[in-house]
Amino acid sequence: MMSGVAKILLLFVLAGVAMRAVAQQVVTSASAIAPAPVPGTLQDIVRKPVVLRGTLGDDKIQLTLQPKSNEDGFEGKYFIFGQSAQILLAGEVDQNDLMMEESHNGKDVSGQWEGRFKSGLLSGTWSTLDGAVAKPFSLKIGTP
């Protein structure tokens, strides 16, 4: 017959074996989960409102884009985190190629964006209208 200490030790050993088996099942199940699908073309994505977050040069930014009503293309706005100004955007997409203009006052074009969407990342170059200043941008689809 087993002593009380031996019974307790046996219970600990059995509990450890059971926990190891459960942990192995969890690891196996987690590795079987497929990665999140990469969105379709940028043209498909901007057919409904979308939020993009990332960087413009050294600044962290957030863009909100939506299809124009009764027109081709899209419109939206962006802001730089830590600043209150909202800059207006309007542009067009051809499959995964982006062209858009920005305006600080809603009338005059103050900058241009040219980029490409690949593997879930929209990246390219922002420049002032005269081309004197250019900055890289990199954006990912976010949640509103």
N, C-alpha and C. Protein backbone atom coordinates (compact mmCIF):
# COMPACT_ATOMS: atom_id res chain seq x y z
N MET A 1 0.81 -1.18 0.00
CA MET A 1 0.00 0.00 0.00
C MET A 1 0.87 1.25 0.00
N MET A 2 0.41 2.30 -0.68
CA MET A 2 1.19 3.53 -0.82
C MET A 2 1.00 4.44 0.39
N SER A 3 2.08 5.12 0.72
CA SER A 3 1.98 6.09 1.80
C SER A 3 1.31 7.36 1.26
N GLY A 4 0.90 8.23 2.15
CA GLY A 4 0.25 9.49 1.75
C GLY A 4 1.15 10.36 0.90
N VAL A 5 2.46 10.40 1.22
CA VAL A 5 3.41 11.20 0.46
C VAL A 5 3.56 10.64 -0.95
N ALA A 6 3.64 9.33 -1.08
CA ALA A 6 3.78 8.71 -2.39
C ALA A 6 2.56 8.99 -3.25
N LYS A 7 1.38 8.96 -2.67
CA LYS A 7 0.15 9.24 -3.41
C LYS A 7 0.15 10.68 -3.94
N ILE A 8 0.59 11.59 -3.08
CA ILE A 8 0.63 13.00 -3.49
C ILE A 8 1.64 13.19 -4.62
N LEU A 9 2.81 12.57 -4.51
CA LEU A 9 3.81 12.66 -5.57
C LEU A 9 3.28 12.10 -6.87
N LEU A 10 2.59 10.95 -6.80
CA LEU A 10 2.02 10.35 -7.99
C LEU A 10 1.00 11.29 -8.63
N LEU A 11 0.17 11.95 -7.82
CA LEU A 11 -0.82 12.90 -8.34
C LEU A 11 -0.13 14.07 -9.06
N PHE A 12 0.97 14.59 -8.49
CA PHE A 12 1.70 15.68 -9.12
C PHE A 12 2.29 15.25 -10.46
N VAL A 13 2.84 14.05 -10.52
CA VAL A 13 3.42 13.54 -11.76
C VAL A 13 2.34 13.40 -12.82
N LEU A 14 1.21 12.81 -12.45
CA LEU A 14 0.11 12.62 -13.41
C LEU A 14 -0.45 13.97 -13.88
N ALA A 15 -0.57 14.92 -12.96
CA ALA A 15 -1.07 16.25 -13.34
C ALA A 15 -0.10 16.93 -14.31
N GLY A 16 1.21 16.78 -14.07
CA GLY A 16 2.20 17.36 -14.97
C GLY A 16 2.14 16.76 -16.36
N VAL A 17 1.96 15.44 -16.45
CA VAL A 17 1.84 14.77 -17.75
C VAL A 17 0.59 15.26 -18.47
N ALA A 18 -0.50 15.40 -17.76
CA ALA A 18 -1.75 15.86 -18.37
C ALA A 18 -1.61 17.29 -18.87
N MET A 19 -0.98 18.17 -18.08
CA MET A 19 -0.82 19.56 -18.51
C MET A 19 0.08 19.65 -19.73
N ARG A 20 1.11 18.83 -19.78
CA ARG A 20 2.01 18.83 -20.94
C ARG A 20 1.27 18.42 -22.20
N ALA A 21 0.39 17.41 -22.09
CA ALA A 21 -0.37 16.95 -23.24
C ALA A 21 -1.32 18.04 -23.73
N VAL A 22 -1.97 18.73 -22.81
CA VAL A 22 -2.88 19.82 -23.19
C VAL A 22 -2.10 20.95 -23.84
N ALA A 23 -0.95 21.31 -23.26
CA ALA A 23 -0.13 22.38 -23.84
C ALA A 23 0.32 22.02 -25.25
N GLN A 24 0.69 20.78 -25.48
CA GLN A 24 1.11 20.34 -26.81
C GLN A 24 -0.03 20.47 -27.81
N GLN A 25 -1.26 20.13 -27.37
CA GLN A 25 -2.42 20.26 -28.26
C GLN A 25 -2.67 21.74 -28.61
N VAL A 26 -2.52 22.62 -27.64
CA VAL A 26 -2.72 24.05 -27.88
C VAL A 26 -1.70 24.56 -28.89
N VAL A 27 -0.44 24.19 -28.72
CA VAL A 27 0.61 24.62 -29.64
C VAL A 27 0.35 24.08 -31.04
N THR A 28 -0.04 22.83 -31.16
CA THR A 28 -0.34 22.23 -32.45
C THR A 28 -1.52 22.92 -33.11
N SER A 29 -2.56 23.22 -32.34
CA SER A 29 -3.74 23.89 -32.89
C SER A 29 -3.40 25.30 -33.34
N ALA A 30 -2.61 26.02 -32.55
CA ALA A 30 -2.25 27.39 -32.91
C ALA A 30 -1.43 27.44 -34.18
N SER A 31 -0.55 26.47 -34.38
CA SER A 31 0.27 26.49 -35.59
C SER A 31 -0.53 26.12 -36.82
N ALA A 32 -1.69 25.49 -36.63
CA ALA A 32 -2.53 25.12 -37.76
C ALA A 32 -3.42 26.26 -38.22
N ILE A 33 -3.52 27.34 -37.42
CA ILE A 33 -4.35 28.48 -37.80
C ILE A 33 -3.69 29.22 -38.95
N ALA A 34 -4.46 29.48 -39.99
CA ALA A 34 -3.93 30.17 -41.17
C ALA A 34 -3.66 31.63 -40.84
N PRO A 35 -2.65 32.22 -41.44
CA PRO A 35 -2.40 33.65 -41.23
C PRO A 35 -3.55 34.47 -41.81
N ALA A 36 -3.70 35.69 -41.31
CA ALA A 36 -4.76 36.57 -41.81
C ALA A 36 -4.57 36.79 -43.31
N PRO A 37 -5.66 36.74 -44.07
CA PRO A 37 -5.52 36.92 -45.51
C PRO A 37 -5.10 38.34 -45.85
N VAL A 38 -4.29 38.48 -46.87
CA VAL A 38 -3.89 39.79 -47.37
C VAL A 38 -5.06 40.34 -48.17
N PRO A 39 -5.43 41.59 -47.93
CA PRO A 39 -6.56 42.17 -48.66
C PRO A 39 -6.34 42.10 -50.17
N GLY A 40 -7.43 42.27 -50.94
CA GLY A 40 -7.34 42.27 -52.39
C GLY A 40 -6.58 43.48 -52.90
N THR A 41 -6.96 43.97 -54.05
CA THR A 41 -6.29 45.14 -54.61
C THR A 41 -6.68 46.39 -53.83
N LEU A 42 -5.88 47.41 -53.94
CA LEU A 42 -6.20 48.68 -53.30
C LEU A 42 -7.50 49.23 -53.88
N GLN A 43 -7.72 49.00 -55.17
CA GLN A 43 -8.95 49.45 -55.81
C GLN A 43 -10.17 48.82 -55.13
N ASP A 44 -10.09 47.54 -54.75
CA ASP A 44 -11.17 46.88 -54.03
C ASP A 44 -11.34 47.48 -52.63
N ILE A 45 -10.23 47.78 -51.99
CA ILE A 45 -10.26 48.25 -50.60
C ILE A 45 -10.92 49.62 -50.49
N VAL A 46 -10.64 50.55 -51.42
CA VAL A 46 -11.19 51.91 -51.31
C VAL A 46 -12.61 52.01 -51.83
N ARG A 47 -13.24 50.90 -52.16
CA ARG A 47 -14.65 50.93 -52.55
C ARG A 47 -15.57 51.14 -51.36
N LYS A 48 -15.01 51.06 -50.16
CA LYS A 48 -15.76 51.34 -48.93
C LYS A 48 -14.83 52.14 -48.01
N PRO A 49 -15.38 52.80 -47.00
CA PRO A 49 -14.52 53.59 -46.11
C PRO A 49 -13.43 52.72 -45.49
N VAL A 50 -12.24 53.30 -45.41
CA VAL A 50 -11.09 52.57 -44.87
C VAL A 50 -10.19 53.52 -44.08
N VAL A 51 -9.56 53.00 -43.04
CA VAL A 51 -8.59 53.74 -42.24
C VAL A 51 -7.22 53.13 -42.49
N LEU A 52 -6.24 54.00 -42.72
CA LEU A 52 -4.85 53.56 -42.93
C LEU A 52 -3.98 54.28 -41.90
N ARG A 53 -3.06 53.53 -41.32
CA ARG A 53 -2.15 54.13 -40.33
C ARG A 53 -0.71 53.80 -40.69
N GLY A 54 0.18 54.73 -40.36
CA GLY A 54 1.59 54.47 -40.64
C GLY A 54 2.41 55.73 -40.48
N THR A 55 3.37 55.89 -41.39
CA THR A 55 4.29 57.02 -41.28
C THR A 55 4.36 57.81 -42.59
N LEU A 56 4.61 59.09 -42.42
CA LEU A 56 4.93 60.01 -43.51
C LEU A 56 6.22 60.69 -43.09
N GLY A 57 7.33 60.29 -43.69
CA GLY A 57 8.62 60.74 -43.19
C GLY A 57 8.80 60.20 -41.79
N ASP A 58 9.07 61.09 -40.84
CA ASP A 58 9.24 60.69 -39.44
C ASP A 58 7.95 60.80 -38.64
N ASP A 59 6.88 61.30 -39.25
CA ASP A 59 5.62 61.53 -38.54
C ASP A 59 4.71 60.31 -38.61
N LYS A 60 4.00 60.05 -37.51
CA LYS A 60 2.98 59.01 -37.50
C LYS A 60 1.66 59.65 -37.93
N ILE A 61 0.98 58.99 -38.88
CA ILE A 61 -0.24 59.58 -39.44
C ILE A 61 -1.37 58.56 -39.49
N GLN A 62 -2.58 59.11 -39.69
CA GLN A 62 -3.76 58.28 -39.93
C GLN A 62 -4.57 58.91 -41.07
N LEU A 63 -4.88 58.09 -42.08
CA LEU A 63 -5.72 58.52 -43.20
C LEU A 63 -7.08 57.85 -43.09
N THR A 64 -8.11 58.56 -43.49
CA THR A 64 -9.44 58.01 -43.64
C THR A 64 -9.86 58.28 -45.08
N LEU A 65 -10.17 57.22 -45.83
CA LEU A 65 -10.57 57.36 -47.23
C LEU A 65 -11.95 56.74 -47.43
N GLN A 66 -12.68 57.29 -48.38
CA GLN A 66 -14.00 56.76 -48.74
C GLN A 66 -14.27 57.05 -50.20
N PRO A 67 -15.11 56.24 -50.83
CA PRO A 67 -15.43 56.50 -52.24
C PRO A 67 -16.16 57.84 -52.38
N LYS A 68 -15.90 58.54 -53.48
CA LYS A 68 -16.66 59.76 -53.77
C LYS A 68 -18.07 59.35 -54.16
N SER A 69 -19.03 60.16 -53.77
CA SER A 69 -20.40 59.87 -54.19
C SER A 69 -20.62 60.47 -55.58
N ASN A 70 -21.20 59.71 -56.47
CA ASN A 70 -21.53 60.13 -57.84
C ASN A 70 -20.31 60.46 -58.71
N GLU A 71 -19.12 60.04 -58.31
CA GLU A 71 -17.91 60.28 -59.10
C GLU A 71 -16.97 59.10 -58.93
N ASP A 72 -16.04 58.97 -59.88
CA ASP A 72 -14.98 57.99 -59.71
C ASP A 72 -13.97 58.53 -58.69
N GLY A 73 -13.21 57.65 -58.11
CA GLY A 73 -12.16 58.06 -57.20
C GLY A 73 -12.61 58.03 -55.75
N PHE A 74 -11.78 58.60 -54.89
CA PHE A 74 -12.06 58.62 -53.47
C PHE A 74 -11.67 59.97 -52.89
N GLU A 75 -12.11 60.20 -51.67
CA GLU A 75 -11.77 61.41 -50.94
C GLU A 75 -11.53 61.03 -49.49
N GLY A 76 -10.96 61.95 -48.77
CA GLY A 76 -10.71 61.66 -47.37
C GLY A 76 -9.91 62.76 -46.71
N LYS A 77 -9.24 62.38 -45.65
CA LYS A 77 -8.44 63.34 -44.90
C LYS A 77 -7.39 62.57 -44.11
N TYR A 78 -6.39 63.29 -43.65
CA TYR A 78 -5.41 62.68 -42.77
C TYR A 78 -4.96 63.68 -41.73
N PHE A 79 -4.39 63.15 -40.68
CA PHE A 79 -3.80 64.00 -39.66
C PHE A 79 -2.51 63.36 -39.17
N ILE A 80 -1.67 64.21 -38.63
CA ILE A 80 -0.43 63.77 -38.01
C ILE A 80 -0.71 63.67 -36.51
N PHE A 81 -0.39 62.52 -35.92
CA PHE A 81 -0.63 62.35 -34.49
C PHE A 81 0.09 63.45 -33.71
N GLY A 82 -0.63 64.05 -32.76
CA GLY A 82 -0.08 65.13 -31.96
C GLY A 82 -0.38 66.51 -32.52
N GLN A 83 -0.99 66.57 -33.72
CA GLN A 83 -1.37 67.84 -34.32
C GLN A 83 -2.87 67.82 -34.59
N SER A 84 -3.50 68.98 -34.55
CA SER A 84 -4.95 69.03 -34.72
C SER A 84 -5.40 69.24 -36.16
N ALA A 85 -4.51 69.69 -37.03
CA ALA A 85 -4.90 69.98 -38.41
C ALA A 85 -5.30 68.71 -39.16
N GLN A 86 -6.38 68.82 -39.93
CA GLN A 86 -6.82 67.73 -40.81
C GLN A 86 -6.60 68.20 -42.24
N ILE A 87 -5.92 67.40 -43.02
CA ILE A 87 -5.58 67.76 -44.39
C ILE A 87 -6.45 66.94 -45.32
N LEU A 88 -7.11 67.60 -46.27
CA LEU A 88 -8.05 66.95 -47.18
C LEU A 88 -7.30 66.20 -48.28
N LEU A 89 -7.90 65.10 -48.73
CA LEU A 89 -7.32 64.25 -49.77
C LEU A 89 -8.35 63.95 -50.85
N ALA A 90 -7.89 63.77 -52.07
CA ALA A 90 -8.73 63.29 -53.18
C ALA A 90 -7.81 62.58 -54.15
N GLY A 91 -8.29 61.47 -54.71
CA GLY A 91 -7.43 60.75 -55.62
C GLY A 91 -8.11 59.64 -56.36
N GLU A 92 -7.27 58.86 -57.03
CA GLU A 92 -7.73 57.73 -57.82
C GLU A 92 -6.80 56.55 -57.61
N VAL A 93 -7.34 55.37 -57.85
CA VAL A 93 -6.57 54.14 -57.75
C VAL A 93 -6.77 53.35 -59.03
N ASP A 94 -5.69 52.80 -59.54
CA ASP A 94 -5.75 51.88 -60.67
C ASP A 94 -5.13 50.57 -60.19
N GLN A 95 -5.99 49.60 -59.90
CA GLN A 95 -5.59 48.32 -59.30
C GLN A 95 -4.86 48.57 -57.98
N ASN A 96 -3.53 48.59 -57.99
CA ASN A 96 -2.75 48.79 -56.77
C ASN A 96 -1.92 50.06 -56.78
N ASP A 97 -2.12 50.90 -57.80
CA ASP A 97 -1.37 52.16 -57.91
C ASP A 97 -2.23 53.32 -57.43
N LEU A 98 -1.66 54.16 -56.58
CA LEU A 98 -2.37 55.27 -55.97
C LEU A 98 -1.82 56.60 -56.47
N MET A 99 -2.71 57.52 -56.76
CA MET A 99 -2.38 58.91 -57.06
C MET A 99 -3.39 59.76 -56.31
N MET A 100 -2.91 60.64 -55.44
CA MET A 100 -3.84 61.55 -54.77
C MET A 100 -3.18 62.88 -54.49
N GLU A 101 -4.03 63.87 -54.30
CA GLU A 101 -3.59 65.22 -54.00
C GLU A 101 -4.15 65.60 -52.64
N GLU A 102 -3.45 66.52 -51.99
CA GLU A 102 -3.92 67.00 -50.70
C GLU A 102 -4.11 68.51 -50.75
N SER A 103 -4.93 68.99 -49.81
CA SER A 103 -5.18 70.43 -49.73
C SER A 103 -5.37 70.81 -48.27
N HIS A 104 -4.67 71.85 -47.87
CA HIS A 104 -4.82 72.35 -46.50
C HIS A 104 -6.07 73.22 -46.36
N ASN A 105 -6.50 73.88 -47.45
CA ASN A 105 -7.62 74.80 -47.37
C ASN A 105 -8.86 74.35 -48.15
N GLY A 106 -8.81 73.21 -48.80
CA GLY A 106 -9.97 72.72 -49.56
C GLY A 106 -10.07 73.28 -50.96
N LYS A 107 -9.14 74.16 -51.34
CA LYS A 107 -9.17 74.77 -52.67
C LYS A 107 -7.87 74.52 -53.44
N ASP A 108 -6.75 74.81 -52.80
CA ASP A 108 -5.46 74.74 -53.48
C ASP A 108 -4.75 73.44 -53.15
N VAL A 109 -4.15 72.82 -54.17
CA VAL A 109 -3.38 71.60 -53.97
C VAL A 109 -2.06 71.97 -53.29
N SER A 110 -1.77 71.26 -52.19
CA SER A 110 -0.55 71.56 -51.44
C SER A 110 0.45 70.40 -51.45
N GLY A 111 0.02 69.22 -51.91
CA GLY A 111 0.94 68.09 -51.95
C GLY A 111 0.39 66.97 -52.81
N GLN A 112 1.27 66.04 -53.17
CA GLN A 112 0.90 64.90 -54.01
C GLN A 112 1.40 63.61 -53.38
N TRP A 113 0.63 62.56 -53.57
CA TRP A 113 0.97 61.23 -53.07
C TRP A 113 1.00 60.28 -54.26
N GLU A 114 2.05 59.51 -54.38
CA GLU A 114 2.13 58.44 -55.38
C GLU A 114 2.61 57.20 -54.66
N GLY A 115 1.84 56.11 -54.80
CA GLY A 115 2.23 54.91 -54.08
C GLY A 115 1.72 53.64 -54.72
N ARG A 116 2.12 52.54 -54.13
CA ARG A 116 1.75 51.21 -54.62
C ARG A 116 1.40 50.34 -53.43
N PHE A 117 0.35 49.54 -53.58
CA PHE A 117 -0.12 48.62 -52.56
C PHE A 117 0.41 47.23 -52.87
N LYS A 118 1.14 46.65 -51.92
CA LYS A 118 1.70 45.32 -52.12
C LYS A 118 1.79 44.61 -50.77
N SER A 119 1.29 43.38 -50.73
CA SER A 119 1.36 42.54 -49.52
C SER A 119 0.80 43.25 -48.29
N GLY A 120 -0.31 43.95 -48.46
CA GLY A 120 -0.96 44.61 -47.33
C GLY A 120 -0.35 45.94 -46.92
N LEU A 121 0.62 46.44 -47.68
CA LEU A 121 1.30 47.69 -47.34
C LEU A 121 1.20 48.68 -48.50
N LEU A 122 0.75 49.89 -48.19
CA LEU A 122 0.72 50.97 -49.18
C LEU A 122 1.92 51.86 -48.91
N SER A 123 2.82 51.95 -49.87
CA SER A 123 4.02 52.76 -49.67
C SER A 123 4.33 53.55 -50.93
N GLY A 124 5.04 54.64 -50.75
CA GLY A 124 5.39 55.48 -51.89
C GLY A 124 6.01 56.77 -51.43
N THR A 125 5.75 57.84 -52.21
CA THR A 125 6.38 59.14 -51.95
C THR A 125 5.32 60.23 -51.91
N TRP A 126 5.42 61.05 -50.89
CA TRP A 126 4.65 62.29 -50.78
C TRP A 126 5.59 63.41 -51.17
N SER A 127 5.06 64.40 -51.88
CA SER A 127 5.90 65.56 -52.21
C SER A 127 5.05 66.82 -52.23
N THR A 128 5.73 67.96 -52.02
CA THR A 128 5.05 69.24 -52.16
C THR A 128 4.73 69.43 -53.64
N LEU A 129 3.82 70.32 -53.91
CA LEU A 129 3.37 70.54 -55.28
C LEU A 129 4.52 70.90 -56.21
N ASP A 130 5.47 71.69 -55.73
CA ASP A 130 6.61 72.09 -56.56
C ASP A 130 7.74 71.05 -56.55
N GLY A 131 7.59 69.99 -55.76
CA GLY A 131 8.60 68.93 -55.72
C GLY A 131 9.83 69.26 -54.88
N ALA A 132 9.80 70.41 -54.19
CA ALA A 132 10.97 70.82 -53.39
C ALA A 132 11.20 69.91 -52.19
N VAL A 133 10.12 69.34 -51.65
CA VAL A 133 10.23 68.46 -50.49
C VAL A 133 9.57 67.13 -50.84
N ALA A 134 10.25 66.04 -50.54
CA ALA A 134 9.68 64.71 -50.78
C ALA A 134 9.95 63.85 -49.54
N LYS A 135 8.95 63.04 -49.17
CA LYS A 135 9.08 62.15 -48.02
C LYS A 135 8.48 60.80 -48.37
N PRO A 136 9.06 59.72 -47.84
CA PRO A 136 8.45 58.41 -48.05
C PRO A 136 7.25 58.24 -47.12
N PHE A 137 6.29 57.44 -47.55
CA PHE A 137 5.19 57.08 -46.66
C PHE A 137 4.99 55.56 -46.71
N SER A 138 4.47 55.05 -45.62
CA SER A 138 4.22 53.62 -45.48
C SER A 138 2.99 53.45 -44.61
N LEU A 139 1.94 52.81 -45.14
CA LEU A 139 0.66 52.72 -44.45
C LEU A 139 0.11 51.30 -44.47
N LYS A 140 -0.56 50.93 -43.38
CA LYS A 140 -1.25 49.65 -43.31
C LYS A 140 -2.71 49.91 -42.99
N ILE A 141 -3.56 48.99 -43.42
CA ILE A 141 -4.98 49.12 -43.13
C ILE A 141 -5.18 48.94 -41.63
N GLY A 142 -5.93 49.87 -41.04
CA GLY A 142 -6.21 49.83 -39.61
C GLY A 142 -7.68 49.65 -39.37
N THR A 143 -8.09 49.87 -38.13
CA THR A 143 -9.50 49.79 -37.79
C THR A 143 -9.94 51.18 -37.35
N PRO A 144 -11.18 51.52 -37.68
CA PRO A 144 -11.67 52.86 -37.34
C PRO A 144 -11.71 53.10 -35.85
